[in-house]
Amino acid sequence: VLVHNMGMSCPYCTMWADGFNGLYEMFTKRFAFFLVSPDTPEQQRKGAAERNWRVPMLSASGHEFTRALGFATELDGQLMYAPGASTFIRDEAGKPLLMNQVPFGPGDDFNPVFAFAQLFPHEEI
């Protein structure tokens, strides 16, 4: 599983990652799990240390990988990143194959905070 994250400057993305961090140990008993963002490795290390994340992070900074998967688009000459997840399996030769993708957004099922917020009238996260 590869989680596409917009980086440390996005409060939603850090909230999703906080939740995944709590599930990381359980996840890795079943599948590999990584977070990729446009932040530099230095920014990622600093942010992960501040938030006590254990999830391995990959930097999309200067790479086309996230764009090729559809989680970054160009707008006015600048790459705009979007959150979501891509899942992969390996074929018989060991080559990774893209299996599924899903976008993340406010109110999605990937963050329990959204479900709790719906229990209160007019609560916005």
PDB file of N, CA and C in Angstrom:
ATOM      1  N   VAL A   1       0.857  -1.176   0.000  1.00  0.00           N
ATOM      2  CA  VAL A   1       0.000   0.000   0.000  1.00  0.00           C
ATOM      3  C   VAL A   1       0.894   1.227   0.000  1.00  0.00           C
ATOM      4  N   LEU A   2       0.592   2.134  -0.883  1.00  0.00           N
ATOM      5  CA  LEU A   2       1.306   3.399  -0.956  1.00  0.00           C
ATOM      6  C   LEU A   2       0.290   4.512  -0.710  1.00  0.00           C
ATOM      7  N   VAL A   3       0.450   5.248   0.374  1.00  0.00           N
ATOM      8  CA  VAL A   3      -0.441   6.365   0.695  1.00  0.00           C
ATOM      9  C   VAL A   3       0.161   7.629   0.102  1.00  0.00           C
ATOM     10  N   HIS A   4      -0.627   8.309  -0.713  1.00  0.00           N
ATOM     11  CA  HIS A   4      -0.215   9.583  -1.309  1.00  0.00           C
ATOM     12  C   HIS A   4      -0.642  10.686  -0.345  1.00  0.00           C
ATOM     13  N   ASN A   5       0.324  11.468   0.090  1.00  0.00           N
ATOM     14  CA  ASN A   5       0.127  12.468   1.128  1.00  0.00           C
ATOM     15  C   ASN A   5       0.606  13.797   0.575  1.00  0.00           C
ATOM     16  N   MET A   6      -0.079  14.873   0.881  1.00  0.00           N
ATOM     17  CA  MET A   6       0.286  16.194   0.362  1.00  0.00           C
ATOM     18  C   MET A   6       1.422  16.848   1.141  1.00  0.00           C
ATOM     19  N   GLY A   7       1.840  16.243   2.231  1.00  0.00           N
ATOM     20  CA  GLY A   7       2.980  16.762   2.973  1.00  0.00           C
ATOM     21  C   GLY A   7       2.608  17.319   4.331  1.00  0.00           C
ATOM     22  N   MET A   8       3.632  17.704   5.065  1.00  0.00           N
ATOM     23  CA  MET A   8       3.477  18.158   6.446  1.00  0.00           C
ATOM     24  C   MET A   8       2.670  19.450   6.558  1.00  0.00           C
ATOM     25  N   SER A   9       2.559  20.209   5.490  1.00  0.00           N
ATOM     26  CA  SER A   9       1.808  21.468   5.564  1.00  0.00           C
ATOM     27  C   SER A   9       0.297  21.255   5.472  1.00  0.00           C
ATOM     28  N   CYS A  10      -0.153  20.038   5.191  1.00  0.00           N
ATOM     29  CA  CYS A  10      -1.578  19.751   5.052  1.00  0.00           C
ATOM     30  C   CYS A  10      -2.119  19.127   6.340  1.00  0.00           C
ATOM     31  N   PRO A  11      -3.003  19.832   7.063  1.00  0.00           N
ATOM     32  CA  PRO A  11      -3.516  19.280   8.323  1.00  0.00           C
ATOM     33  C   PRO A  11      -4.308  17.985   8.142  1.00  0.00           C
ATOM     34  N   TYR A  12      -5.063  17.854   7.047  1.00  0.00           N
ATOM     35  CA  TYR A  12      -5.784  16.609   6.804  1.00  0.00           C
ATOM     36  C   TYR A  12      -4.799  15.461   6.576  1.00  0.00           C
ATOM     37  N   CYS A  13      -3.788  15.702   5.764  1.00  0.00           N
ATOM     38  CA  CYS A  13      -2.825  14.636   5.445  1.00  0.00           C
ATOM     39  C   CYS A  13      -2.067  14.173   6.685  1.00  0.00           C
ATOM     40  N   THR A  14      -1.707  15.097   7.551  1.00  0.00           N
ATOM     41  CA  THR A  14      -1.021  14.684   8.775  1.00  0.00           C
ATOM     42  C   THR A  14      -1.987  13.936   9.698  1.00  0.00           C
ATOM     43  N   MET A  15      -3.272  14.309   9.679  1.00  0.00           N
ATOM     44  CA  MET A  15      -4.263  13.609  10.494  1.00  0.00           C
ATOM     45  C   MET A  15      -4.452  12.175   9.993  1.00  0.00           C
ATOM     46  N   TRP A  16      -4.539  11.993   8.670  1.00  0.00           N
ATOM     47  CA  TRP A  16      -4.626  10.639   8.118  1.00  0.00           C
ATOM     48  C   TRP A  16      -3.391   9.836   8.531  1.00  0.00           C
ATOM     49  N   ALA A  17      -2.226  10.432   8.360  1.00  0.00           N
ATOM     50  CA  ALA A  17      -0.977   9.728   8.682  1.00  0.00           C
ATOM     51  C   ALA A  17      -0.882   9.394  10.162  1.00  0.00           C
ATOM     52  N   ASP A  18      -1.384  10.274  11.038  1.00  0.00           N
ATOM     53  CA  ASP A  18      -1.418   9.961  12.467  1.00  0.00           C
ATOM     54  C   ASP A  18      -2.198   8.665  12.700  1.00  0.00           C
ATOM     55  N   GLY A  19      -3.336   8.529  12.041  1.00  0.00           N
ATOM     56  CA  GLY A  19      -4.147   7.324  12.178  1.00  0.00           C
ATOM     57  C   GLY A  19      -3.460   6.098  11.619  1.00  0.00           C
ATOM     58  N   PHE A  20      -2.831   6.231  10.455  1.00  0.00           N
ATOM     59  CA  PHE A  20      -2.121   5.093   9.858  1.00  0.00           C
ATOM     60  C   PHE A  20      -0.952   4.669  10.732  1.00  0.00           C
ATOM     61  N   ASN A  21      -0.302   5.638  11.365  1.00  0.00           N
ATOM     62  CA  ASN A  21       0.812   5.324  12.252  1.00  0.00           C
ATOM     63  C   ASN A  21       0.365   4.391  13.375  1.00  0.00           C
ATOM     64  N   GLY A  22      -0.821   4.623  13.907  1.00  0.00           N
ATOM     65  CA  GLY A  22      -1.343   3.771  14.957  1.00  0.00           C
ATOM     66  C   GLY A  22      -1.664   2.362  14.485  1.00  0.00           C
ATOM     67  N   LEU A  23      -1.887   2.202  13.195  1.00  0.00           N
ATOM     68  CA  LEU A  23      -2.226   0.898  12.616  1.00  0.00           C
ATOM     69  C   LEU A  23      -1.037   0.235  11.925  1.00  0.00           C
ATOM     70  N   TYR A  24       0.076   0.931  11.876  1.00  0.00           N
ATOM     71  CA  TYR A  24       1.225   0.483  11.082  1.00  0.00           C
ATOM     72  C   TYR A  24       1.671  -0.941  11.425  1.00  0.00           C
ATOM     73  N   GLU A  25       1.805  -1.240  12.688  1.00  0.00           N
ATOM     74  CA  GLU A  25       2.279  -2.564  13.087  1.00  0.00           C
ATOM     75  C   GLU A  25       1.325  -3.656  12.599  1.00  0.00           C
ATOM     76  N   MET A  26       0.041  -3.435  12.739  1.00  0.00           N
ATOM     77  CA  MET A  26      -0.938  -4.407  12.265  1.00  0.00           C
ATOM     78  C   MET A  26      -0.899  -4.517  10.738  1.00  0.00           C
ATOM     79  N   PHE A  27      -0.802  -3.387  10.051  1.00  0.00           N
ATOM     80  CA  PHE A  27      -0.734  -3.393   8.591  1.00  0.00           C
ATOM     81  C   PHE A  27       0.430  -4.252   8.097  1.00  0.00           C
ATOM     82  N   THR A  28       1.605  -4.026   8.679  1.00  0.00           N
ATOM     83  CA  THR A  28       2.807  -4.673   8.136  1.00  0.00           C
ATOM     84  C   THR A  28       2.861  -6.170   8.415  1.00  0.00           C
ATOM     85  N   LYS A  29       1.931  -6.681   9.194  1.00  0.00           N
ATOM     86  CA  LYS A  29       1.823  -8.138   9.327  1.00  0.00           C
ATOM     87  C   LYS A  29       1.165  -8.737   8.089  1.00  0.00           C
ATOM     88  N   ARG A  30       0.488  -7.893   7.304  1.00  0.00           N
ATOM     89  CA  ARG A  30      -0.247  -8.364   6.121  1.00  0.00           C
ATOM     90  C   ARG A  30       0.290  -7.820   4.801  1.00  0.00           C
ATOM     91  N   PHE A  31       0.866  -6.619   4.816  1.00  0.00           N
ATOM     92  CA  PHE A  31       1.322  -6.005   3.571  1.00  0.00           C
ATOM     93  C   PHE A  31       2.333  -4.902   3.873  1.00  0.00           C
ATOM     94  N   ALA A  32       3.097  -4.540   2.861  1.00  0.00           N
ATOM     95  CA  ALA A  32       4.033  -3.417   2.985  1.00  0.00           C
ATOM     96  C   ALA A  32       3.221  -2.123   2.943  1.00  0.00           C
ATOM     97  N   PHE A  33       3.665  -1.120   3.705  1.00  0.00           N
ATOM     98  CA  PHE A  33       2.911   0.120   3.835  1.00  0.00           C
ATOM     99  C   PHE A  33       3.885   1.285   3.849  1.00  0.00           C
ATOM    100  N   PHE A  34       3.695   2.243   2.935  1.00  0.00           N
ATOM    101  CA  PHE A  34       4.571   3.404   2.807  1.00  0.00           C
ATOM    102  C   PHE A  34       3.741   4.657   2.602  1.00  0.00           C
ATOM    103  N   LEU A  35       4.303   5.788   2.969  1.00  0.00           N
ATOM    104  CA  LEU A  35       3.692   7.088   2.744  1.00  0.00           C
ATOM    105  C   LEU A  35       4.613   7.876   1.826  1.00  0.00           C
ATOM    106  N   VAL A  36       4.066   8.465   0.771  1.00  0.00           N
ATOM    107  CA  VAL A  36       4.854   9.285  -0.145  1.00  0.00           C
ATOM    108  C   VAL A  36       4.276  10.694  -0.162  1.00  0.00           C
ATOM    109  N   SER A  37       5.175  11.686  -0.105  1.00  0.00           N
ATOM    110  CA  SER A  37       4.739  13.084  -0.143  1.00  0.00           C
ATOM    111  C   SER A  37       5.745  13.901  -0.947  1.00  0.00           C
ATOM    112  N   PRO A  38       5.360  15.124  -1.327  1.00  0.00           N
ATOM    113  CA  PRO A  38       6.281  15.984  -2.059  1.00  0.00           C
ATOM    114  C   PRO A  38       7.347  16.629  -1.164  1.00  0.00           C
ATOM    115  N   ASP A  39       7.248  16.431   0.147  1.00  0.00           N
ATOM    116  CA  ASP A  39       8.250  16.995   1.055  1.00  0.00           C
ATOM    117  C   ASP A  39       9.617  16.367   0.784  1.00  0.00           C
ATOM    118  N   THR A  40      10.643  17.120   1.073  1.00  0.00           N
ATOM    119  CA  THR A  40      12.004  16.588   0.942  1.00  0.00           C
ATOM    120  C   THR A  40      12.235  15.556   2.048  1.00  0.00           C
ATOM    121  N   PRO A  41      13.209  14.682   1.887  1.00  0.00           N
ATOM    122  CA  PRO A  41      13.510  13.723   2.963  1.00  0.00           C
ATOM    123  C   PRO A  41      13.784  14.414   4.304  1.00  0.00           C
ATOM    124  N   GLU A  42      14.439  15.565   4.271  1.00  0.00           N
ATOM    125  CA  GLU A  42      14.722  16.289   5.512  1.00  0.00           C
ATOM    126  C   GLU A  42      13.423  16.752   6.182  1.00  0.00           C
ATOM    127  N   GLN A  43      12.502  17.310   5.392  1.00  0.00           N
ATOM    128  CA  GLN A  43      11.216  17.744   5.932  1.00  0.00           C
ATOM    129  C   GLN A  43      10.439  16.548   6.482  1.00  0.00           C
ATOM    130  N   GLN A  44      10.502  15.429   5.775  1.00  0.00           N
ATOM    131  CA  GLN A  44       9.808  14.227   6.230  1.00  0.00           C
ATOM    132  C   GLN A  44      10.378  13.722   7.551  1.00  0.00           C
ATOM    133  N   ARG A  45      11.701  13.671   7.655  1.00  0.00           N
ATOM    134  CA  ARG A  45      12.331  13.203   8.900  1.00  0.00           C
ATOM    135  C   ARG A  45      11.930  14.088  10.079  1.00  0.00           C
ATOM    136  N   LYS A  46      11.960  15.394   9.856  1.00  0.00           N
ATOM    137  CA  LYS A  46      11.604  16.338  10.918  1.00  0.00           C
ATOM    138  C   LYS A  46      10.141  16.158  11.328  1.00  0.00           C
ATOM    139  N   GLY A  47       9.237  16.109  10.365  1.00  0.00           N
ATOM    140  CA  GLY A  47       7.818  15.952  10.656  1.00  0.00           C
ATOM    141  C   GLY A  47       7.504  14.621  11.317  1.00  0.00           C
ATOM    142  N   ALA A  48       8.121  13.554  10.825  1.00  0.00           N
ATOM    143  CA  ALA A  48       7.896  12.226  11.404  1.00  0.00           C
ATOM    144  C   ALA A  48       8.394  12.185  12.845  1.00  0.00           C
ATOM    145  N   ALA A  49       9.517  12.812  13.132  1.00  0.00           N
ATOM    146  CA  ALA A  49      10.052  12.837  14.494  1.00  0.00           C
ATOM    147  C   ALA A  49       9.128  13.626  15.418  1.00  0.00           C
ATOM    148  N   GLU A  50       8.608  14.756  14.933  1.00  0.00           N
ATOM    149  CA  GLU A  50       7.702  15.578  15.746  1.00  0.00           C
ATOM    150  C   GLU A  50       6.403  14.851  16.078  1.00  0.00           C
ATOM    151  N   ARG A  51       5.942  13.983  15.163  1.00  0.00           N
ATOM    152  CA  ARG A  51       4.650  13.309  15.333  1.00  0.00           C
ATOM    153  C   ARG A  51       4.807  11.841  15.743  1.00  0.00           C
ATOM    154  N   ASN A  52       6.056  11.420  15.951  1.00  0.00           N
ATOM    155  CA  ASN A  52       6.343  10.035  16.355  1.00  0.00           C
ATOM    156  C   ASN A  52       5.820   8.999  15.363  1.00  0.00           C
ATOM    157  N   TRP A  53       5.954   9.298  14.070  1.00  0.00           N
ATOM    158  CA  TRP A  53       5.518   8.357  13.041  1.00  0.00           C
ATOM    159  C   TRP A  53       6.553   7.260  12.857  1.00  0.00           C
ATOM    160  N   ARG A  54       6.067   6.041  12.669  1.00  0.00           N
ATOM    161  CA  ARG A  54       6.927   4.896  12.355  1.00  0.00           C
ATOM    162  C   ARG A  54       6.797   4.486  10.901  1.00  0.00           C
ATOM    163  N   VAL A  55       5.802   5.002  10.222  1.00  0.00           N
ATOM    164  CA  VAL A  55       5.539   4.644   8.833  1.00  0.00           C
ATOM    165  C   VAL A  55       6.704   5.092   7.957  1.00  0.00           C
ATOM    166  N   PRO A  56       7.262   4.179   7.131  1.00  0.00           N
ATOM    167  CA  PRO A  56       8.338   4.587   6.227  1.00  0.00           C
ATOM    168  C   PRO A  56       7.824   5.611   5.216  1.00  0.00           C
ATOM    169  N   MET A  57       8.652   6.617   4.960  1.00  0.00           N
ATOM    170  CA  MET A  57       8.261   7.697   4.066  1.00  0.00           C
ATOM    171  C   MET A  57       9.165   7.740   2.843  1.00  0.00           C
ATOM    172  N   LEU A  58       8.551   8.061   1.719  1.00  0.00           N
ATOM    173  CA  LEU A  58       9.257   8.233   0.455  1.00  0.00           C
ATOM    174  C   LEU A  58       8.992   9.647  -0.037  1.00  0.00           C
ATOM    175  N   SER A  59       9.993  10.247  -0.656  1.00  0.00           N
ATOM    176  CA  SER A  59       9.835  11.606  -1.164  1.00  0.00           C
ATOM    177  C   SER A  59       9.545  11.591  -2.660  1.00  0.00           C
ATOM    178  N   ALA A  60       8.490  12.303  -3.048  1.00  0.00           N
ATOM    179  CA  ALA A  60       8.166  12.476  -4.462  1.00  0.00           C
ATOM    180  C   ALA A  60       8.812  13.740  -5.015  1.00  0.00           C
ATOM    181  N   SER A  61       9.547  14.440  -4.169  1.00  0.00           N
ATOM    182  CA  SER A  61      10.180  15.688  -4.575  1.00  0.00           C
ATOM    183  C   SER A  61      11.124  15.440  -5.748  1.00  0.00           C
ATOM    184  N   GLY A  62      10.838  16.097  -6.874  1.00  0.00           N
ATOM    185  CA  GLY A  62      11.685  15.963  -8.052  1.00  0.00           C
ATOM    186  C   GLY A  62      11.439  14.706  -8.871  1.00  0.00           C
ATOM    187  N   HIS A  63      10.385  13.958  -8.550  1.00  0.00           N
ATOM    188  CA  HIS A  63      10.085  12.720  -9.272  1.00  0.00           C
ATOM    189  C   HIS A  63       8.701  12.803  -9.911  1.00  0.00           C
ATOM    190  N   GLU A  64       8.479  12.015 -10.950  1.00  0.00           N
ATOM    191  CA  GLU A  64       7.199  11.994 -11.664  1.00  0.00           C
ATOM    192  C   GLU A  64       6.283  10.857 -11.210  1.00  0.00           C
ATOM    193  N   PHE A  65       6.722  10.050 -10.256  1.00  0.00           N
ATOM    194  CA  PHE A  65       5.993   8.861  -9.848  1.00  0.00           C
ATOM    195  C   PHE A  65       4.563   9.179  -9.409  1.00  0.00           C
ATOM    196  N   THR A  66       4.388  10.137  -8.512  1.00  0.00           N
ATOM    197  CA  THR A  66       3.063  10.482  -8.003  1.00  0.00           C
ATOM    198  C   THR A  66       2.182  11.022  -9.120  1.00  0.00           C
ATOM    199  N   ARG A  67       2.763  11.786 -10.001  1.00  0.00           N
ATOM    200  CA  ARG A  67       2.018  12.321 -11.146  1.00  0.00           C
ATOM    201  C   ARG A  67       1.584  11.188 -12.067  1.00  0.00           C
ATOM    202  N   ALA A  68       2.478  10.241 -12.314  1.00  0.00           N
ATOM    203  CA  ALA A  68       2.158   9.108 -13.192  1.00  0.00           C
ATOM    204  C   ALA A  68       1.003   8.279 -12.627  1.00  0.00           C
ATOM    205  N   LEU A  69       0.866   8.245 -11.309  1.00  0.00           N
ATOM    206  CA  LEU A  69      -0.222   7.499 -10.678  1.00  0.00           C
ATOM    207  C   LEU A  69      -1.510   8.317 -10.569  1.00  0.00           C
ATOM    208  N   GLY A  70      -1.465   9.587 -10.983  1.00  0.00           N
ATOM    209  CA  GLY A  70      -2.665  10.417 -10.995  1.00  0.00           C
ATOM    210  C   GLY A  70      -2.931  11.189  -9.718  1.00  0.00           C
ATOM    211  N   PHE A  71      -1.959  11.234  -8.795  1.00  0.00           N
ATOM    212  CA  PHE A  71      -2.152  11.962  -7.541  1.00  0.00           C
ATOM    213  C   PHE A  71      -1.402  13.286  -7.515  1.00  0.00           C
ATOM    214  N   ALA A  72      -0.976  13.739  -8.684  1.00  0.00           N
ATOM    215  CA  ALA A  72      -0.403  15.081  -8.832  1.00  0.00           C
ATOM    216  C   ALA A  72      -0.734  15.561 -10.238  1.00  0.00           C
ATOM    217  N   THR A  73      -1.184  16.791 -10.328  1.00  0.00           N
ATOM    218  CA  THR A  73      -1.487  17.395 -11.620  1.00  0.00           C
ATOM    219  C   THR A  73      -0.851  18.776 -11.667  1.00  0.00           C
ATOM    220  N   GLU A  74      -0.596  19.238 -12.866  1.00  0.00           N
ATOM    221  CA  GLU A  74       0.023  20.547 -13.025  1.00  0.00           C
ATOM    222  C   GLU A  74      -1.049  21.615 -13.144  1.00  0.00           C
ATOM    223  N   LEU A  75      -0.872  22.692 -12.394  1.00  0.00           N
ATOM    224  CA  LEU A  75      -1.771  23.839 -12.442  1.00  0.00           C
ATOM    225  C   LEU A  75      -0.923  25.091 -12.438  1.00  0.00           C
ATOM    226  N   ASP A  76      -1.033  25.874 -13.495  1.00  0.00           N
ATOM    227  CA  ASP A  76      -0.251  27.106 -13.637  1.00  0.00           C
ATOM    228  C   ASP A  76       1.241  26.856 -13.446  1.00  0.00           C
ATOM    229  N   GLY A  77       1.730  25.755 -14.007  1.00  0.00           N
ATOM    230  CA  GLY A  77       3.157  25.447 -13.957  1.00  0.00           C
ATOM    231  C   GLY A  77       3.645  24.850 -12.652  1.00  0.00           C
ATOM    232  N   GLN A  78       2.728  24.573 -11.727  1.00  0.00           N
ATOM    233  CA  GLN A  78       3.118  24.014 -10.433  1.00  0.00           C
ATOM    234  C   GLN A  78       2.376  22.696 -10.206  1.00  0.00           C
ATOM    235  N   LEU A  79       3.086  21.709  -9.636  1.00  0.00           N
ATOM    236  CA  LEU A  79       2.444  20.441  -9.333  1.00  0.00           C
ATOM    237  C   LEU A  79       1.570  20.585  -8.101  1.00  0.00           C
ATOM    238  N   MET A  80       0.338  20.130  -8.213  1.00  0.00           N
ATOM    239  CA  MET A  80      -0.614  20.131  -7.114  1.00  0.00           C
ATOM    240  C   MET A  80      -0.859  18.672  -6.743  1.00  0.00           C
ATOM    241  N   TYR A  81      -0.636  18.340  -5.490  1.00  0.00           N
ATOM    242  CA  TYR A  81      -0.740  16.953  -5.032  1.00  0.00           C
ATOM    243  C   TYR A  81      -2.106  16.693  -4.422  1.00  0.00           C
ATOM    244  N   ALA A  82      -2.548  15.447  -4.503  1.00  0.00           N
ATOM    245  CA  ALA A  82      -3.829  15.032  -3.937  1.00  0.00           C
ATOM    246  C   ALA A  82      -3.608  13.796  -3.074  1.00  0.00           C
ATOM    247  N   PRO A  83      -4.367  13.664  -1.986  1.00  0.00           N
ATOM    248  CA  PRO A  83      -4.207  12.510  -1.114  1.00  0.00           C
ATOM    249  C   PRO A  83      -5.003  11.302  -1.603  1.00  0.00           C
ATOM    250  N   GLY A  84      -4.511  10.132  -1.260  1.00  0.00           N
ATOM    251  CA  GLY A  84      -5.195   8.897  -1.612  1.00  0.00           C
ATOM    252  C   GLY A  84      -4.282   7.711  -1.381  1.00  0.00           C
ATOM    253  N   ALA A  85      -4.630   6.587  -1.970  1.00  0.00           N
ATOM    254  CA  ALA A  85      -3.816   5.386  -1.813  1.00  0.00           C
ATOM    255  C   ALA A  85      -3.801   4.584  -3.109  1.00  0.00           C
ATOM    256  N   SER A  86      -2.701   3.928  -3.341  1.00  0.00           N
ATOM    257  CA  SER A  86      -2.546   2.988  -4.450  1.00  0.00           C
ATOM    258  C   SER A  86      -2.090   1.667  -3.861  1.00  0.00           C
ATOM    259  N   THR A  87      -2.648   0.572  -4.373  1.00  0.00           N
ATOM    260  CA  THR A  87      -2.213  -0.746  -3.922  1.00  0.00           C
ATOM    261  C   THR A  87      -1.563  -1.483  -5.081  1.00  0.00           C
ATOM    262  N   PHE A  88      -0.562  -2.263  -4.740  1.00  0.00           N
ATOM    263  CA  PHE A  88       0.212  -3.001  -5.734  1.00  0.00           C
ATOM    264  C   PHE A  88       0.370  -4.446  -5.291  1.00  0.00           C
ATOM    265  N   ILE A  89       0.528  -5.324  -6.265  1.00  0.00           N
ATOM    266  CA  ILE A  89       0.966  -6.697  -6.009  1.00  0.00           C
ATOM    267  C   ILE A  89       2.119  -6.965  -6.967  1.00  0.00           C
ATOM    268  N   ARG A  90       2.827  -8.048  -6.733  1.00  0.00           N
ATOM    269  CA  ARG A  90       3.902  -8.449  -7.649  1.00  0.00           C
ATOM    270  C   ARG A  90       3.419  -9.602  -8.521  1.00  0.00           C
ATOM    271  N   ASP A  91       3.780  -9.542  -9.798  1.00  0.00           N
ATOM    272  CA  ASP A  91       3.446 -10.655 -10.673  1.00  0.00           C
ATOM    273  C   ASP A  91       4.445 -11.788 -10.462  1.00  0.00           C
ATOM    274  N   GLU A  92       4.319 -12.869 -11.223  1.00  0.00           N
ATOM    275  CA  GLU A  92       5.192 -14.029 -11.042  1.00  0.00           C
ATOM    276  C   GLU A  92       6.664 -13.700 -11.235  1.00  0.00           C
ATOM    277  N   ALA A  93       6.949 -12.678 -12.032  1.00  0.00           N
ATOM    278  CA  ALA A  93       8.334 -12.270 -12.268  1.00  0.00           C
ATOM    279  C   ALA A  93       8.827 -11.270 -11.225  1.00  0.00           C
ATOM    280  N   GLY A  94       7.958 -10.886 -10.297  1.00  0.00           N
ATOM    281  CA  GLY A  94       8.347  -9.941  -9.262  1.00  0.00           C
ATOM    282  C   GLY A  94       8.108  -8.486  -9.621  1.00  0.00           C
ATOM    283  N   LYS A  95       7.518  -8.241 -10.791  1.00  0.00           N
ATOM    284  CA  LYS A  95       7.248  -6.867 -11.231  1.00  0.00           C
ATOM    285  C   LYS A  95       6.005  -6.331 -10.505  1.00  0.00           C
ATOM    286  N   PRO A  96       6.080  -5.118  -9.950  1.00  0.00           N
ATOM    287  CA  PRO A  96       4.894  -4.573  -9.271  1.00  0.00           C
ATOM    288  C   PRO A  96       3.797  -4.203 -10.269  1.00  0.00           C
ATOM    289  N   LEU A  97       2.569  -4.559  -9.915  1.00  0.00           N
ATOM    290  CA  LEU A  97       1.401  -4.237 -10.732  1.00  0.00           C
ATOM    291  C   LEU A  97       0.426  -3.416  -9.900  1.00  0.00           C
ATOM    292  N   LEU A  98      -0.036  -2.304 -10.461  1.00  0.00           N
ATOM    293  CA  LEU A  98      -1.024  -1.469  -9.796  1.00  0.00           C
ATOM    294  C   LEU A  98      -2.345  -2.219  -9.756  1.00  0.00           C
ATOM    295  N   MET A  99      -2.920  -2.365  -8.551  1.00  0.00           N
ATOM    296  CA  MET A  99      -4.180  -3.088  -8.399  1.00  0.00           C
ATOM    297  C   MET A  99      -5.378  -2.148  -8.243  1.00  0.00           C
ATOM    298  N   ASN A 100      -5.305  -1.228  -7.302  1.00  0.00           N
ATOM    299  CA  ASN A 100      -6.432  -0.346  -7.015  1.00  0.00           C
ATOM    300  C   ASN A 100      -5.927   1.018  -6.569  1.00  0.00           C
ATOM    301  N   GLN A 101      -6.817   2.001  -6.693  1.00  0.00           N
ATOM    302  CA  GLN A 101      -6.527   3.347  -6.207  1.00  0.00           C
ATOM    303  C   GLN A 101      -7.797   3.942  -5.611  1.00  0.00           C
ATOM    304  N   VAL A 102      -7.616   4.824  -4.645  1.00  0.00           N
ATOM    305  CA  VAL A 102      -8.750   5.505  -4.036  1.00  0.00           C
ATOM    306  C   VAL A 102      -8.290   6.896  -3.590  1.00  0.00           C
ATOM    307  N   PRO A 103      -9.099   7.936  -3.864  1.00  0.00           N
ATOM    308  CA  PRO A 103      -8.763   9.260  -3.345  1.00  0.00           C
ATOM    309  C   PRO A 103      -9.207   9.377  -1.894  1.00  0.00           C
ATOM    310  N   PHE A 104      -8.553  10.243  -1.146  1.00  0.00           N
ATOM    311  CA  PHE A 104      -8.980  10.597   0.206  1.00  0.00           C
ATOM    312  C   PHE A 104      -9.621  11.975   0.144  1.00  0.00           C
ATOM    313  N   GLY A 105     -10.512  12.238   1.066  1.00  0.00           N
ATOM    314  CA  GLY A 105     -11.135  13.549   1.151  1.00  0.00           C
ATOM    315  C   GLY A 105     -11.916  13.679   2.434  1.00  0.00           C
ATOM    316  N   PRO A 106     -12.301  14.892   2.795  1.00  0.00           N
ATOM    317  CA  PRO A 106     -13.059  15.106   4.029  1.00  0.00           C
ATOM    318  C   PRO A 106     -14.281  14.189   4.089  1.00  0.00           C
ATOM    319  N   GLY A 107     -14.434  13.509   5.223  1.00  0.00           N
ATOM    320  CA  GLY A 107     -15.568  12.622   5.417  1.00  0.00           C
ATOM    321  C   GLY A 107     -15.348  11.206   4.935  1.00  0.00           C
ATOM    322  N   ASP A 108     -14.164  10.881   4.415  1.00  0.00           N
ATOM    323  CA  ASP A 108     -13.934   9.532   3.895  1.00  0.00           C
ATOM    324  C   ASP A 108     -13.847   8.497   5.016  1.00  0.00           C
ATOM    325  N   ASP A 109     -13.779   7.230   4.618  1.00  0.00           N
ATOM    326  CA  ASP A 109     -13.722   6.133   5.581  1.00  0.00           C
ATOM    327  C   ASP A 109     -12.314   5.829   6.081  1.00  0.00           C
ATOM    328  N   PHE A 110     -11.323   6.568   5.653  1.00  0.00           N
ATOM    329  CA  PHE A 110      -9.940   6.283   6.021  1.00  0.00           C
ATOM    330  C   PHE A 110      -9.484   7.032   7.268  1.00  0.00           C
ATOM    331  N   ASN A 111     -10.346   7.879   7.804  1.00  0.00           N
ATOM    332  CA  ASN A 111      -9.991   8.645   8.990  1.00  0.00           C
ATOM    333  C   ASN A 111     -11.143   8.596   9.991  1.00  0.00           C
ATOM    334  N   PRO A 112     -10.962   7.953  11.143  1.00  0.00           N
ATOM    335  CA  PRO A 112     -12.060   7.837  12.103  1.00  0.00           C
ATOM    336  C   PRO A 112     -12.511   9.172  12.688  1.00  0.00           C
ATOM    337  N   VAL A 113     -11.677  10.186  12.613  1.00  0.00           N
ATOM    338  CA  VAL A 113     -12.075  11.496  13.130  1.00  0.00           C
ATOM    339  C   VAL A 113     -13.335  11.986  12.410  1.00  0.00           C
ATOM    340  N   PHE A 114     -13.424  11.721  11.109  1.00  0.00           N
ATOM    341  CA  PHE A 114     -14.587  12.170  10.352  1.00  0.00           C
ATOM    342  C   PHE A 114     -15.870  11.511  10.859  1.00  0.00           C
ATOM    343  N   ALA A 115     -15.798  10.216  11.167  1.00  0.00           N
ATOM    344  CA  ALA A 115     -16.982   9.512  11.668  1.00  0.00           C
ATOM    345  C   ALA A 115     -17.435  10.085  13.007  1.00  0.00           C
ATOM    346  N   PHE A 116     -16.499  10.369  13.893  1.00  0.00           N
ATOM    347  CA  PHE A 116     -16.867  10.958  15.182  1.00  0.00           C
ATOM    348  C   PHE A 116     -17.437  12.362  15.006  1.00  0.00           C
ATOM    349  N   ALA A 117     -16.888  13.138  14.095  1.00  0.00           N
ATOM    350  CA  ALA A 117     -17.378  14.499  13.871  1.00  0.00           C
ATOM    351  C   ALA A 117     -18.825  14.494  13.406  1.00  0.00           C
ATOM    352  N   GLN A 118     -19.231  13.443  12.696  1.00  0.00           N
ATOM    353  CA  GLN A 118     -20.616  13.360  12.220  1.00  0.00           C
ATOM    354  C   GLN A 118     -21.611  13.122  13.353  1.00  0.00           C
ATOM    355  N   LEU A 119     -21.113  12.760  14.518  1.00  0.00           N
ATOM    356  CA  LEU A 119     -21.988  12.544  15.667  1.00  0.00           C
ATOM    357  C   LEU A 119     -22.444  13.852  16.315  1.00  0.00           C
ATOM    358  N   PHE A 120     -21.830  14.956  15.902  1.00  0.00           N
ATOM    359  CA  PHE A 120     -22.144  16.256  16.482  1.00  0.00           C
ATOM    360  C   PHE A 120     -22.748  17.159  15.405  1.00  0.00           C
ATOM    361  N   PRO A 121     -23.768  17.906  15.743  1.00  0.00           N
ATOM    362  CA  PRO A 121     -24.362  18.791  14.745  1.00  0.00           C
ATOM    363  C   PRO A 121     -23.412  19.929  14.371  1.00  0.00           C
ATOM    364  N   HIS A 122     -23.300  20.170  13.085  1.00  0.00           N
ATOM    365  CA  HIS A 122     -22.529  21.298  12.544  1.00  0.00           C
ATOM    366  C   HIS A 122     -21.044  21.254  12.879  1.00  0.00           C
ATOM    367  N   GLU A 123     -20.529  20.088  13.209  1.00  0.00           N
ATOM    368  CA  GLU A 123     -19.110  19.989  13.521  1.00  0.00           C
ATOM    369  C   GLU A 123     -18.306  19.876  12.235  1.00  0.00           C
ATOM    370  N   GLU A 124     -17.313  20.704  12.110  1.00  0.00           N
ATOM    371  CA  GLU A 124     -16.427  20.653  10.936  1.00  0.00           C
ATOM    372  C   GLU A 124     -15.043  20.317  11.396  1.00  0.00           C
ATOM    373  N   ILE A 125     -14.380  19.479  10.633  1.00  0.00           N
ATOM    374  CA  ILE A 125     -13.000  19.080  10.933  1.00  0.00           C
ATOM    375  C   ILE A 125     -12.081  19.728   9.924  1.00  0.00           C
TER     376      ILE A 125
END
